[in-house]
Amino acid sequence: MDLIQVATFARLADAQQAEGLLRSMGIDAFLKNENILRIDPFLACVRGGELCLMVAPADLDRAREILDTTVSDEDLAAQAAAAEPEER
């Protein structure tokens, strides 16, 4: 099956988070270049190696929509504050 790039990442943790998010939403995702970065991070940087998040072409639009829907730190703080019980 052919895969198509939906996003690129410079940091492994960010790439893994995005991959996990897509997988949790039922989209099969694959990190291209992950093993190169794990073996030799310097080599990946020198060669311009980015982590490429790949999905099936049929999932591309949905994956982009999911990845483009971000929650800011401010939004998370507001949600946490709203969930706290009021003091009397």
PDB file of N, CA and C in Angstrom:
ATOM      1  N   MET A   1       0.844  -1.167   0.000  1.00  0.00           N
ATOM      2  CA  MET A   1       0.000   0.000   0.000  1.00  0.00           C
ATOM      3  C   MET A   1       0.895   1.238   0.000  1.00  0.00           C
ATOM      4  N   ASP A   2       0.531   2.203  -0.815  1.00  0.00           N
ATOM      5  CA  ASP A   2       1.252   3.471  -0.840  1.00  0.00           C
ATOM      6  C   ASP A   2       0.812   4.326   0.333  1.00  0.00           C
ATOM      7  N   LEU A   3       1.767   5.007   0.917  1.00  0.00           N
ATOM      8  CA  LEU A   3       1.478   5.927   2.019  1.00  0.00           C
ATOM      9  C   LEU A   3       1.817   7.338   1.574  1.00  0.00           C
ATOM     10  N   ILE A   4       1.197   8.302   2.217  1.00  0.00           N
ATOM     11  CA  ILE A   4       1.424   9.702   1.888  1.00  0.00           C
ATOM     12  C   ILE A   4       1.766  10.465   3.168  1.00  0.00           C
ATOM     13  N   GLN A   5       2.647  11.441   3.035  1.00  0.00           N
ATOM     14  CA  GLN A   5       3.094  12.219   4.188  1.00  0.00           C
ATOM     15  C   GLN A   5       2.019  13.207   4.606  1.00  0.00           C
ATOM     16  N   VAL A   6       1.693  13.175   5.895  1.00  0.00           N
ATOM     17  CA  VAL A   6       0.695  14.100   6.431  1.00  0.00           C
ATOM     18  C   VAL A   6       1.347  15.209   7.259  1.00  0.00           C
ATOM     19  N   ALA A   7       2.539  14.948   7.808  1.00  0.00           N
ATOM     20  CA  ALA A   7       3.229  15.946   8.625  1.00  0.00           C
ATOM     21  C   ALA A   7       4.689  15.537   8.800  1.00  0.00           C
ATOM     22  N   THR A   8       5.514  16.525   9.159  1.00  0.00           N
ATOM     23  CA  THR A   8       6.913  16.250   9.498  1.00  0.00           C
ATOM     24  C   THR A   8       7.219  16.846  10.863  1.00  0.00           C
ATOM     25  N   PHE A   9       8.184  16.243  11.531  1.00  0.00           N
ATOM     26  CA  PHE A   9       8.550  16.652  12.880  1.00  0.00           C
ATOM     27  C   PHE A   9      10.057  16.622  13.040  1.00  0.00           C
ATOM     28  N   ALA A  10      10.575  17.524  13.834  1.00  0.00           N
ATOM     29  CA  ALA A  10      12.001  17.546  14.137  1.00  0.00           C
ATOM     30  C   ALA A  10      12.301  16.744  15.402  1.00  0.00           C
ATOM     31  N   ARG A  11      11.309  16.639  16.287  1.00  0.00           N
ATOM     32  CA  ARG A  11      11.511  15.943  17.562  1.00  0.00           C
ATOM     33  C   ARG A  11      10.729  14.639  17.596  1.00  0.00           C
ATOM     34  N   LEU A  12      11.383  13.585  18.059  1.00  0.00           N
ATOM     35  CA  LEU A  12      10.772  12.269  18.137  1.00  0.00           C
ATOM     36  C   LEU A  12       9.532  12.276  19.025  1.00  0.00           C
ATOM     37  N   ALA A  13       9.590  12.952  20.162  1.00  0.00           N
ATOM     38  CA  ALA A  13       8.453  12.970  21.087  1.00  0.00           C
ATOM     39  C   ALA A  13       7.210  13.579  20.428  1.00  0.00           C
ATOM     40  N   ASP A  14       7.392  14.652  19.668  1.00  0.00           N
ATOM     41  CA  ASP A  14       6.264  15.283  18.979  1.00  0.00           C
ATOM     42  C   ASP A  14       5.686  14.355  17.919  1.00  0.00           C
ATOM     43  N   ALA A  15       6.562  13.695  17.201  1.00  0.00           N
ATOM     44  CA  ALA A  15       6.119  12.771  16.149  1.00  0.00           C
ATOM     45  C   ALA A  15       5.348  11.596  16.746  1.00  0.00           C
ATOM     46  N   GLN A  16       5.852  11.058  17.843  1.00  0.00           N
ATOM     47  CA  GLN A  16       5.180   9.934  18.487  1.00  0.00           C
ATOM     48  C   GLN A  16       3.832  10.347  19.048  1.00  0.00           C
ATOM     49  N   GLN A  17       3.738  11.554  19.555  1.00  0.00           N
ATOM     50  CA  GLN A  17       2.463  12.043  20.084  1.00  0.00           C
ATOM     51  C   GLN A  17       1.438  12.151  18.952  1.00  0.00           C
ATOM     52  N   ALA A  18       1.848  12.693  17.825  1.00  0.00           N
ATOM     53  CA  ALA A  18       0.939  12.821  16.679  1.00  0.00           C
ATOM     54  C   ALA A  18       0.542  11.447  16.146  1.00  0.00           C
ATOM     55  N   GLU A  19       1.506  10.539  16.080  1.00  0.00           N
ATOM     56  CA  GLU A  19       1.210   9.182  15.620  1.00  0.00           C
ATOM     57  C   GLU A  19       0.202   8.524  16.562  1.00  0.00           C
ATOM     58  N   GLY A  20       0.405   8.661  17.854  1.00  0.00           N
ATOM     59  CA  GLY A  20      -0.510   8.081  18.834  1.00  0.00           C
ATOM     60  C   GLY A  20      -1.904   8.680  18.745  1.00  0.00           C
ATOM     61  N   LEU A  21      -1.963   9.979  18.516  1.00  0.00           N
ATOM     62  CA  LEU A  21      -3.254  10.642  18.372  1.00  0.00           C
ATOM     63  C   LEU A  21      -4.020  10.073  17.190  1.00  0.00           C
ATOM     64  N   LEU A  22      -3.338   9.951  16.047  1.00  0.00           N
ATOM     65  CA  LEU A  22      -4.014   9.401  14.868  1.00  0.00           C
ATOM     66  C   LEU A  22      -4.453   7.963  15.099  1.00  0.00           C
ATOM     67  N   ARG A  23      -3.574   7.173  15.697  1.00  0.00           N
ATOM     68  CA  ARG A  23      -3.930   5.771  15.970  1.00  0.00           C
ATOM     69  C   ARG A  23      -5.120   5.675  16.921  1.00  0.00           C
ATOM     70  N   SER A  24      -5.173   6.578  17.900  1.00  0.00           N
ATOM     71  CA  SER A  24      -6.291   6.550  18.845  1.00  0.00           C
ATOM     72  C   SER A  24      -7.610   6.919  18.170  1.00  0.00           C
ATOM     73  N   MET A  25      -7.524   7.604  17.036  1.00  0.00           N
ATOM     74  CA  MET A  25      -8.710   7.992  16.277  1.00  0.00           C
ATOM     75  C   MET A  25      -9.002   6.990  15.156  1.00  0.00           C
ATOM     76  N   GLY A  26      -8.307   5.861  15.169  1.00  0.00           N
ATOM     77  CA  GLY A  26      -8.578   4.800  14.205  1.00  0.00           C
ATOM     78  C   GLY A  26      -7.873   4.940  12.871  1.00  0.00           C
ATOM     79  N   ILE A  27      -6.847   5.780  12.808  1.00  0.00           N
ATOM     80  CA  ILE A  27      -6.095   5.965  11.566  1.00  0.00           C
ATOM     81  C   ILE A  27      -4.738   5.294  11.722  1.00  0.00           C
ATOM     82  N   ASP A  28      -4.438   4.359  10.825  1.00  0.00           N
ATOM     83  CA  ASP A  28      -3.128   3.726  10.843  1.00  0.00           C
ATOM     84  C   ASP A  28      -2.089   4.750  10.410  1.00  0.00           C
ATOM     85  N   ALA A  29      -1.043   4.902  11.201  1.00  0.00           N
ATOM     86  CA  ALA A  29       0.003   5.880  10.924  1.00  0.00           C
ATOM     87  C   ALA A  29       1.358   5.208  11.110  1.00  0.00           C
ATOM     88  N   PHE A  30       2.357   5.729  10.393  1.00  0.00           N
ATOM     89  CA  PHE A  30       3.700   5.160  10.394  1.00  0.00           C
ATOM     90  C   PHE A  30       4.705   6.301  10.395  1.00  0.00           C
ATOM     91  N   LEU A  31       5.726   6.203  11.235  1.00  0.00           N
ATOM     92  CA  LEU A  31       6.782   7.211  11.276  1.00  0.00           C
ATOM     93  C   LEU A  31       7.944   6.785  10.402  1.00  0.00           C
ATOM     94  N   LYS A  32       8.109   7.481   9.308  1.00  0.00           N
ATOM     95  CA  LYS A  32       9.229   7.228   8.407  1.00  0.00           C
ATOM     96  C   LYS A  32      10.454   7.916   8.999  1.00  0.00           C
ATOM     97  N   ASN A  33      11.593   7.275   8.943  1.00  0.00           N
ATOM     98  CA  ASN A  33      12.885   7.771   9.450  1.00  0.00           C
ATOM     99  C   ASN A  33      13.031   7.634  10.962  1.00  0.00           C
ATOM    100  N   GLU A  34      12.085   7.032  11.641  1.00  0.00           N
ATOM    101  CA  GLU A  34      12.172   6.900  13.093  1.00  0.00           C
ATOM    102  C   GLU A  34      13.398   6.090  13.501  1.00  0.00           C
ATOM    103  N   ASN A  35      13.656   4.985  12.816  1.00  0.00           N
ATOM    104  CA  ASN A  35      14.786   4.137  13.199  1.00  0.00           C
ATOM    105  C   ASN A  35      16.124   4.816  12.965  1.00  0.00           C
ATOM    106  N   ILE A  36      16.232   5.610  11.905  1.00  0.00           N
ATOM    107  CA  ILE A  36      17.472   6.349  11.651  1.00  0.00           C
ATOM    108  C   ILE A  36      17.747   7.302  12.800  1.00  0.00           C
ATOM    109  N   LEU A  37      16.726   8.011  13.234  1.00  0.00           N
ATOM    110  CA  LEU A  37      16.887   8.965  14.326  1.00  0.00           C
ATOM    111  C   LEU A  37      17.250   8.259  15.626  1.00  0.00           C
ATOM    112  N   ARG A  38      16.669   7.098  15.855  1.00  0.00           N
ATOM    113  CA  ARG A  38      16.983   6.342  17.080  1.00  0.00           C
ATOM    114  C   ARG A  38      18.426   5.829  17.065  1.00  0.00           C
ATOM    115  N   ILE A  39      18.895   5.396  15.892  1.00  0.00           N
ATOM    116  CA  ILE A  39      20.242   4.834  15.788  1.00  0.00           C
ATOM    117  C   ILE A  39      21.301   5.922  15.898  1.00  0.00           C
ATOM    118  N   ASP A  40      21.106   7.010  15.158  1.00  0.00           N
ATOM    119  CA  ASP A  40      22.108   8.066  15.141  1.00  0.00           C
ATOM    120  C   ASP A  40      21.451   9.422  14.936  1.00  0.00           C
ATOM    121  N   PRO A  41      21.057  10.080  16.017  1.00  0.00           N
ATOM    122  CA  PRO A  41      20.389  11.379  15.895  1.00  0.00           C
ATOM    123  C   PRO A  41      21.218  12.407  15.141  1.00  0.00           C
ATOM    124  N   PHE A  42      22.530  12.381  15.304  1.00  0.00           N
ATOM    125  CA  PHE A  42      23.389  13.336  14.610  1.00  0.00           C
ATOM    126  C   PHE A  42      23.332  13.116  13.102  1.00  0.00           C
ATOM    127  N   LEU A  43      23.391  11.876  12.683  1.00  0.00           N
ATOM    128  CA  LEU A  43      23.331  11.557  11.259  1.00  0.00           C
ATOM    129  C   LEU A  43      22.028  12.048  10.654  1.00  0.00           C
ATOM    130  N   ALA A  44      20.941  11.867  11.372  1.00  0.00           N
ATOM    131  CA  ALA A  44      19.640  12.318  10.875  1.00  0.00           C
ATOM    132  C   ALA A  44      19.623  13.827  10.717  1.00  0.00           C
ATOM    133  N   CYS A  45      20.242  14.548  11.645  1.00  0.00           N
ATOM    134  CA  CYS A  45      20.264  16.015  11.564  1.00  0.00           C
ATOM    135  C   CYS A  45      21.129  16.486  10.403  1.00  0.00           C
ATOM    136  N   VAL A  46      22.282  15.859  10.225  1.00  0.00           N
ATOM    137  CA  VAL A  46      23.196  16.255   9.165  1.00  0.00           C
ATOM    138  C   VAL A  46      22.575  16.010   7.795  1.00  0.00           C
ATOM    139  N   ARG A  47      21.879  14.926   7.655  1.00  0.00           N
ATOM    140  CA  ARG A  47      21.286  14.567   6.369  1.00  0.00           C
ATOM    141  C   ARG A  47      19.916  15.215   6.175  1.00  0.00           C
ATOM    142  N   GLY A  48      19.523  16.072   7.101  1.00  0.00           N
ATOM    143  CA  GLY A  48      18.223  16.726   6.973  1.00  0.00           C
ATOM    144  C   GLY A  48      17.077  15.789   7.260  1.00  0.00           C
ATOM    145  N   GLY A  49      17.359  14.779   8.040  1.00  0.00           N
ATOM    146  CA  GLY A  49      16.352  13.773   8.321  1.00  0.00           C
ATOM    147  C   GLY A  49      15.260  14.284   9.235  1.00  0.00           C
ATOM    148  N   GLU A  50      14.078  14.375   8.719  1.00  0.00           N
ATOM    149  CA  GLU A  50      12.922  14.711   9.530  1.00  0.00           C
ATOM    150  C   GLU A  50      12.112  13.452   9.719  1.00  0.00           C
ATOM    151  N   LEU A  51      11.359  13.437  10.785  1.00  0.00           N
ATOM    152  CA  LEU A  51      10.421  12.345  11.001  1.00  0.00           C
ATOM    153  C   LEU A  51       9.171  12.654  10.196  1.00  0.00           C
ATOM    154  N   CYS A  52       8.836  11.765   9.304  1.00  0.00           N
ATOM    155  CA  CYS A  52       7.678  11.960   8.436  1.00  0.00           C
ATOM    156  C   CYS A  52       6.548  11.060   8.917  1.00  0.00           C
ATOM    157  N   LEU A  53       5.418  11.656   9.208  1.00  0.00           N
ATOM    158  CA  LEU A  53       4.243  10.904   9.629  1.00  0.00           C
ATOM    159  C   LEU A  53       3.457  10.540   8.375  1.00  0.00           C
ATOM    160  N   MET A  54       3.301   9.266   8.143  1.00  0.00           N
ATOM    161  CA  MET A  54       2.700   8.756   6.914  1.00  0.00           C
ATOM    162  C   MET A  54       1.357   8.098   7.214  1.00  0.00           C
ATOM    163  N   VAL A  55       0.402   8.276   6.292  1.00  0.00           N
ATOM    164  CA  VAL A  55      -0.919   7.646   6.395  1.00  0.00           C
ATOM    165  C   VAL A  55      -1.344   7.182   5.004  1.00  0.00           C
ATOM    166  N   ALA A  56      -2.387   6.381   4.968  1.00  0.00           N
ATOM    167  CA  ALA A  56      -2.960   5.960   3.691  1.00  0.00           C
ATOM    168  C   ALA A  56      -3.607   7.174   3.021  1.00  0.00           C
ATOM    169  N   PRO A  57      -3.554   7.247   1.697  1.00  0.00           N
ATOM    170  CA  PRO A  57      -4.172   8.380   0.999  1.00  0.00           C
ATOM    171  C   PRO A  57      -5.638   8.591   1.371  1.00  0.00           C
ATOM    172  N   ALA A  58      -6.364   7.527   1.614  1.00  0.00           N
ATOM    173  CA  ALA A  58      -7.781   7.643   1.972  1.00  0.00           C
ATOM    174  C   ALA A  58      -7.980   8.323   3.330  1.00  0.00           C
ATOM    175  N   ASP A  59      -6.955   8.289   4.189  1.00  0.00           N
ATOM    176  CA  ASP A  59      -7.045   8.879   5.524  1.00  0.00           C
ATOM    177  C   ASP A  59      -6.437  10.278   5.610  1.00  0.00           C
ATOM    178  N   LEU A  60      -5.880  10.775   4.520  1.00  0.00           N
ATOM    179  CA  LEU A  60      -5.129  12.028   4.550  1.00  0.00           C
ATOM    180  C   LEU A  60      -5.955  13.212   5.050  1.00  0.00           C
ATOM    181  N   ASP A  61      -7.127  13.435   4.499  1.00  0.00           N
ATOM    182  CA  ASP A  61      -7.923  14.600   4.904  1.00  0.00           C
ATOM    183  C   ASP A  61      -8.320  14.528   6.373  1.00  0.00           C
ATOM    184  N   ARG A  62      -8.762  13.363   6.811  1.00  0.00           N
ATOM    185  CA  ARG A  62      -9.162  13.208   8.216  1.00  0.00           C
ATOM    186  C   ARG A  62      -7.957  13.378   9.147  1.00  0.00           C
ATOM    187  N   ALA A  63      -6.804  12.835   8.755  1.00  0.00           N
ATOM    188  CA  ALA A  63      -5.594  12.963   9.565  1.00  0.00           C
ATOM    189  C   ALA A  63      -5.181  14.427   9.682  1.00  0.00           C
ATOM    190  N   ARG A  64      -5.239  15.164   8.586  1.00  0.00           N
ATOM    191  CA  ARG A  64      -4.895  16.594   8.623  1.00  0.00           C
ATOM    192  C   ARG A  64      -5.842  17.358   9.546  1.00  0.00           C
ATOM    193  N   GLU A  65      -7.122  17.020   9.459  1.00  0.00           N
ATOM    194  CA  GLU A  65      -8.113  17.684  10.308  1.00  0.00           C
ATOM    195  C   GLU A  65      -7.821  17.430  11.782  1.00  0.00           C
ATOM    196  N   ILE A  66      -7.500  16.193  12.106  1.00  0.00           N
ATOM    197  CA  ILE A  66      -7.200  15.832  13.499  1.00  0.00           C
ATOM    198  C   ILE A  66      -5.943  16.547  13.973  1.00  0.00           C
ATOM    199  N   LEU A  67      -4.899  16.538  13.162  1.00  0.00           N
ATOM    200  CA  LEU A  67      -3.636  17.163  13.564  1.00  0.00           C
ATOM    201  C   LEU A  67      -3.733  18.681  13.612  1.00  0.00           C
ATOM    202  N   ASP A  68      -4.592  19.257  12.794  1.00  0.00           N
ATOM    203  CA  ASP A  68      -4.752  20.712  12.787  1.00  0.00           C
ATOM    204  C   ASP A  68      -5.606  21.215  13.939  1.00  0.00           C
ATOM    205  N   THR A  69      -6.343  20.322  14.571  1.00  0.00           N
ATOM    206  CA  THR A  69      -7.167  20.690  15.714  1.00  0.00           C
ATOM    207  C   THR A  69      -6.301  20.573  16.956  1.00  0.00           C
ATOM    208  N   THR A  70      -5.741  21.692  17.364  1.00  0.00           N
ATOM    209  CA  THR A  70      -4.845  21.677  18.522  1.00  0.00           C
ATOM    210  C   THR A  70      -5.512  22.356  19.703  1.00  0.00           C
ATOM    211  N   VAL A  71      -5.102  21.954  20.852  1.00  0.00           N
ATOM    212  CA  VAL A  71      -5.581  22.568  22.085  1.00  0.00           C
ATOM    213  C   VAL A  71      -4.394  23.290  22.701  1.00  0.00           C
ATOM    214  N   SER A  72      -4.529  24.580  22.893  1.00  0.00           N
ATOM    215  CA  SER A  72      -3.433  25.368  23.459  1.00  0.00           C
ATOM    216  C   SER A  72      -3.323  25.118  24.958  1.00  0.00           C
ATOM    217  N   ASP A  73      -2.191  25.520  25.521  1.00  0.00           N
ATOM    218  CA  ASP A  73      -1.994  25.403  26.970  1.00  0.00           C
ATOM    219  C   ASP A  73      -3.025  26.243  27.710  1.00  0.00           C
ATOM    220  N   GLU A  74      -3.364  27.389  27.137  1.00  0.00           N
ATOM    221  CA  GLU A  74      -4.362  28.263  27.764  1.00  0.00           C
ATOM    222  C   GLU A  74      -5.733  27.575  27.794  1.00  0.00           C
ATOM    223  N   ASP A  75      -6.086  26.897  26.700  1.00  0.00           N
ATOM    224  CA  ASP A  75      -7.359  26.179  26.660  1.00  0.00           C
ATOM    225  C   ASP A  75      -7.389  25.059  27.702  1.00  0.00           C
ATOM    226  N   LEU A  76      -6.276  24.350  27.830  1.00  0.00           N
ATOM    227  CA  LEU A  76      -6.211  23.271  28.817  1.00  0.00           C
ATOM    228  C   LEU A  76      -6.348  23.823  30.234  1.00  0.00           C
ATOM    229  N   ALA A  77      -5.695  24.952  30.513  1.00  0.00           N
ATOM    230  CA  ALA A  77      -5.787  25.561  31.842  1.00  0.00           C
ATOM    231  C   ALA A  77      -7.216  26.017  32.125  1.00  0.00           C
ATOM    232  N   ALA A  78      -7.883  26.589  31.121  1.00  0.00           N
ATOM    233  CA  ALA A  78      -9.267  27.037  31.300  1.00  0.00           C
ATOM    234  C   ALA A  78     -10.195  25.852  31.557  1.00  0.00           C
ATOM    235  N   GLN A  79      -9.969  24.753  30.845  1.00  0.00           N
ATOM    236  CA  GLN A  79     -10.783  23.556  31.054  1.00  0.00           C
ATOM    237  C   GLN A  79     -10.559  22.988  32.450  1.00  0.00           C
ATOM    238  N   ALA A  80      -9.316  22.991  32.910  1.00  0.00           N
ATOM    239  CA  ALA A  80      -9.011  22.479  34.245  1.00  0.00           C
ATOM    240  C   ALA A  80      -9.648  23.366  35.314  1.00  0.00           C
ATOM    241  N   ALA A  81      -9.583  24.677  35.119  1.00  0.00           N
ATOM    242  CA  ALA A  81     -10.182  25.606  36.085  1.00  0.00           C
ATOM    243  C   ALA A  81     -11.697  25.444  36.129  1.00  0.00           C
ATOM    244  N   ALA A  82     -12.307  25.239  34.994  1.00  0.00           N
ATOM    245  CA  ALA A  82     -13.752  25.068  34.929  1.00  0.00           C
ATOM    246  C   ALA A  82     -14.191  23.762  35.593  1.00  0.00           C
ATOM    247  N   ALA A  83     -13.313  22.776  35.595  1.00  0.00           N
ATOM    248  CA  ALA A  83     -13.664  21.475  36.176  1.00  0.00           C
ATOM    249  C   ALA A  83     -13.476  21.426  37.683  1.00  0.00           C
ATOM    250  N   GLU A  84     -12.736  22.398  38.239  1.00  0.00           N
ATOM    251  CA  GLU A  84     -12.510  22.426  39.682  1.00  0.00           C
ATOM    252  C   GLU A  84     -13.782  22.833  40.409  1.00  0.00           C
ATOM    253  N   PRO A  85     -14.071  22.169  41.506  1.00  0.00           N
ATOM    254  CA  PRO A  85     -15.257  22.551  42.279  1.00  0.00           C
ATOM    255  C   PRO A  85     -15.064  23.921  42.920  1.00  0.00           C
ATOM    256  N   GLU A  86     -16.130  24.691  42.996  1.00  0.00           N
ATOM    257  CA  GLU A  86     -16.081  26.019  43.596  1.00  0.00           C
ATOM    258  C   GLU A  86     -15.968  25.896  45.115  1.00  0.00           C
ATOM    259  N   GLU A  87     -15.181  26.812  45.701  1.00  0.00           N
ATOM    260  CA  GLU A  87     -15.068  26.842  47.166  1.00  0.00           C
ATOM    261  C   GLU A  87     -16.203  27.693  47.723  1.00  0.00           C
ATOM    262  N   ARG A  88     -16.752  27.279  48.837  1.00  0.00           N
ATOM    263  CA  ARG A  88     -17.851  28.020  49.469  1.00  0.00           C
ATOM    264  C   ARG A  88     -17.390  28.767  50.662  1.00  0.00           C
TER     265      ARG A  88
END
